[in-house]
């Protein structure tokens, strides 16, 4: 396969157990279907519940435009769109459902998602926890994965409540210490 940017050869690399294709010249990366989500989840487990599928309903708010690039897998023109609200423009192939990220864009996406986590309020985490609870039965990733996502949101909610309300955090610690079932 050839790089859609510089036409350099792509070589397979191992990113935390995920086989990705990376350009030997410009270091851009090709993610096959779901590899971008898996790489994000393995980079920071607290991000696992923040899902953006460039091919699904979550991408409907993004403006999709044809790019000048060719898919390294099937050689058709790929489309560009913004990854969620990150301002990072990614390229996707609608035929083989792969995603191309230029060098450094994956890290920018992770930074953006981490910024979301640290700026959400407790009330927002409460709504997200409820939504994730409902997704356990019908979520796109399967029951076990959705349960894990739900528990991550609960952990983040607990941390945000503690940060916003130190007295409640102290009371919760005393309850945990006195709780007979541990």
Protein backbone atom coordinates (compact mmCIF):
# COMPACT_ATOMS: atom_id res chain seq x y z
CA UNK A 1 0.00 0.00 0.00
CA UNK A 2 1.07 3.58 -0.65
CA UNK A 3 0.68 6.67 1.51
CA UNK A 4 -2.15 8.97 0.38
CA UNK A 5 0.05 12.00 1.24
CA UNK A 6 3.58 11.37 0.00
CA UNK A 7 3.19 8.07 -1.88
CA UNK A 8 5.72 6.42 0.44
CA UNK A 9 5.33 2.76 1.26
CA UNK A 10 3.21 1.77 4.26
CA UNK A 11 4.68 -0.76 6.65
CA UNK A 12 2.86 -2.63 9.37
CA UNK A 13 3.58 -1.52 12.93
CA UNK A 14 2.33 -2.78 16.26
CA UNK A 15 0.51 -0.16 18.31
CA UNK A 16 -0.34 -1.68 21.69
CA UNK A 17 -1.33 -4.98 20.07
CA UNK A 18 -3.09 -3.45 17.06
CA UNK A 19 -1.53 -3.92 13.62
CA UNK A 20 -1.58 -0.52 11.89
CA UNK A 21 -0.06 0.62 8.60
CA UNK A 22 2.33 3.56 8.89
CA UNK A 23 4.09 5.54 6.15
CA UNK A 24 7.85 5.12 6.29
CA UNK A 25 8.34 8.74 5.15
CA UNK A 26 5.69 11.02 6.67
CA UNK A 27 4.58 8.73 9.56
CA UNK A 28 0.87 9.02 8.70
CA UNK A 29 -1.23 6.02 9.77
CA UNK A 30 -3.93 3.89 8.18
CA UNK A 31 -6.55 2.42 10.54
CA UNK A 32 -8.78 -0.38 9.27
CA UNK A 33 -12.40 -0.47 10.48
CA UNK A 34 -12.58 -0.10 14.31
CA UNK A 35 -8.78 0.11 14.75
CA UNK A 36 -8.95 3.84 15.51
CA UNK A 37 -11.42 3.20 18.34
CA UNK A 38 -9.33 0.30 19.66
CA UNK A 39 -6.11 2.36 19.55
CA UNK A 40 -7.83 5.21 21.42
CA UNK A 41 -9.15 2.79 24.05
CA UNK A 42 -5.72 1.23 24.57
CA UNK A 43 -4.04 4.64 24.81
CA UNK A 44 -6.18 5.77 27.75
CA UNK A 45 -8.83 3.47 29.23
CA UNK A 46 -10.78 6.48 30.55
CA UNK A 47 -11.48 7.42 26.92
CA UNK A 48 -13.10 4.10 26.00
CA UNK A 49 -16.66 5.38 26.45
CA UNK A 50 -16.14 8.41 24.19
CA UNK A 51 -16.96 6.94 20.80
CA UNK A 52 -17.00 8.63 17.43
CA UNK A 53 -17.68 6.44 14.42
CA UNK A 54 -16.78 8.29 11.22
CA UNK A 55 -19.07 5.90 9.34
CA UNK A 56 -22.02 5.87 11.73
CA UNK A 57 -24.70 8.17 13.05
CA UNK A 58 -22.24 10.09 15.23
CA UNK A 59 -20.57 11.52 12.12
CA UNK A 60 -23.80 13.04 10.78
CA UNK A 61 -22.98 16.39 12.43
CA UNK A 62 -19.68 16.61 10.52
CA UNK A 63 -19.40 18.10 7.06
CA UNK A 64 -17.95 15.49 4.72
CA UNK A 65 -15.99 16.76 1.73
CA UNK A 66 -14.06 14.90 -0.96
CA UNK A 67 -10.30 15.15 -0.50
CA UNK A 68 -7.46 15.00 -3.00
CA UNK A 69 -6.18 11.77 -1.42
CA UNK A 70 -6.58 8.21 -2.64
CA UNK A 71 -7.37 5.31 -0.33
CA UNK A 72 -4.22 3.21 0.15
CA UNK A 73 -6.32 0.04 0.17
CA UNK A 74 -8.83 0.42 -2.66
CA UNK A 75 -7.53 3.52 -4.52
CA UNK A 76 -10.79 5.50 -4.56
CA UNK A 77 -10.93 9.16 -3.53
CA UNK A 78 -11.37 9.40 0.22
CA UNK A 79 -13.50 11.91 2.10
CA UNK A 80 -12.45 14.38 4.79
CA UNK A 81 -14.39 15.22 7.94
CA UNK A 82 -13.71 16.64 11.37
CA UNK A 83 -13.31 14.16 14.21
CA UNK A 84 -16.16 15.11 16.53
CA UNK A 85 -15.51 18.63 17.88
CA UNK A 86 -11.72 18.31 17.82
CA UNK A 87 -10.91 20.38 14.73
CA UNK A 88 -8.78 17.43 13.58
CA UNK A 89 -9.61 16.66 9.97
CA UNK A 90 -9.45 12.94 9.25
CA UNK A 91 -9.82 11.09 5.98
CA UNK A 92 -12.10 8.10 5.55
CA UNK A 93 -12.78 5.62 2.78
CA UNK A 94 -16.44 4.78 2.38
CA UNK A 95 -15.69 1.60 0.45
CA UNK A 96 -13.28 -0.22 2.76
CA UNK A 97 -14.19 1.82 5.89
CA UNK A 98 -10.61 2.70 6.75
CA UNK A 99 -9.36 5.97 8.24
CA UNK A 100 -6.18 7.90 7.39
CA UNK A 101 -4.57 10.17 9.98
CA UNK A 102 -1.63 12.40 9.17
CA UNK A 103 1.34 12.33 11.55
CA UNK A 104 0.35 13.70 14.97
CA UNK A 105 -3.41 13.69 14.39
CA UNK A 106 -4.01 10.62 16.54
CA UNK A 107 -2.30 12.34 19.46
CA UNK A 108 -4.39 15.49 18.88
CA UNK A 109 -7.57 13.39 18.99
CA UNK A 110 -6.49 11.78 22.28
CA UNK A 111 -5.62 15.20 23.74
CA UNK A 112 -9.02 16.54 22.67
CA UNK A 113 -10.86 13.62 24.29
CA UNK A 114 -8.84 13.98 27.50
CA UNK A 115 -9.80 17.68 27.57
CA UNK A 116 -13.46 16.63 27.33
CA UNK A 117 -13.03 14.34 30.33
CA UNK A 118 -11.45 16.96 32.58
CA UNK A 119 -13.91 19.72 31.69
CA UNK A 120 -17.22 17.83 32.03
CA UNK A 121 -19.36 18.74 35.00
CA UNK A 122 -20.85 16.23 37.45
CA UNK A 123 -24.33 16.86 36.05
CA UNK A 124 -23.07 16.10 32.55
CA UNK A 125 -21.41 12.89 33.78
CA UNK A 126 -24.71 11.92 35.41
CA UNK A 127 -26.50 12.22 32.05
CA UNK A 128 -23.69 10.31 30.33
CA UNK A 129 -23.84 7.54 32.95
CA UNK A 130 -27.58 7.17 32.40
CA UNK A 131 -27.09 7.05 28.62
CA UNK A 132 -24.30 4.47 28.97
CA UNK A 133 -26.51 2.40 31.28
CA UNK A 134 -29.19 2.29 28.58
CA UNK A 135 -26.57 1.27 25.99
CA UNK A 136 -25.65 -1.86 27.94
CA UNK A 137 -28.47 -3.78 26.28
CA UNK A 138 -28.47 -2.14 22.86
CA UNK A 139 -25.08 -0.43 22.47
CA UNK A 140 -23.00 -0.84 19.33
CA UNK A 141 -20.00 -2.50 20.99
CA UNK A 142 -21.59 -5.51 22.73
CA UNK A 143 -22.78 -6.00 26.28
CA UNK A 144 -19.43 -6.56 28.02
CA UNK A 145 -17.81 -3.57 26.34
CA UNK A 146 -20.81 -1.36 27.14
CA UNK A 147 -20.70 -2.46 30.81
CA UNK A 148 -17.01 -1.50 30.94
CA UNK A 149 -17.87 1.88 29.39
CA UNK A 150 -20.60 2.39 31.99
CA UNK A 151 -18.19 1.71 34.87
CA UNK A 152 -15.62 4.12 33.43
CA UNK A 153 -18.26 6.86 33.35
CA UNK A 154 -19.28 6.05 36.93
CA UNK A 155 -15.64 6.31 38.05
CA UNK A 156 -15.26 9.66 36.29
CA UNK A 157 -18.56 10.84 37.80
CA UNK A 158 -17.33 9.93 41.27
CA UNK A 159 -14.08 11.82 40.69
CA UNK A 160 -15.92 14.88 39.35
CA UNK A 161 -18.38 14.89 42.28
CA UNK A 162 -15.42 14.71 44.67
CA UNK A 163 -13.68 17.58 42.91
CA UNK A 164 -16.79 19.78 42.81
CA UNK A 165 -18.05 18.86 46.29
CA UNK A 166 -15.28 18.05 48.80
CA UNK A 167 -17.76 17.62 51.67
CA UNK A 168 -19.69 14.99 49.73
CA UNK A 169 -16.39 13.28 48.93
CA UNK A 170 -15.50 13.16 52.63
CA UNK A 171 -18.93 11.72 53.45
CA UNK A 172 -18.54 9.08 50.72
CA UNK A 173 -15.15 8.05 52.12
CA UNK A 174 -16.66 7.64 55.60
CA UNK A 175 -19.52 5.56 54.16
CA UNK A 176 -17.07 3.32 52.27
CA UNK A 177 -14.98 2.85 55.42
CA UNK A 178 -18.04 1.92 57.50
CA UNK A 179 -19.69 -0.21 54.84
CA UNK A 180 -19.80 -3.85 56.03
CA UNK A 181 -19.84 -5.42 52.54
CA UNK A 182 -16.55 -4.82 50.78
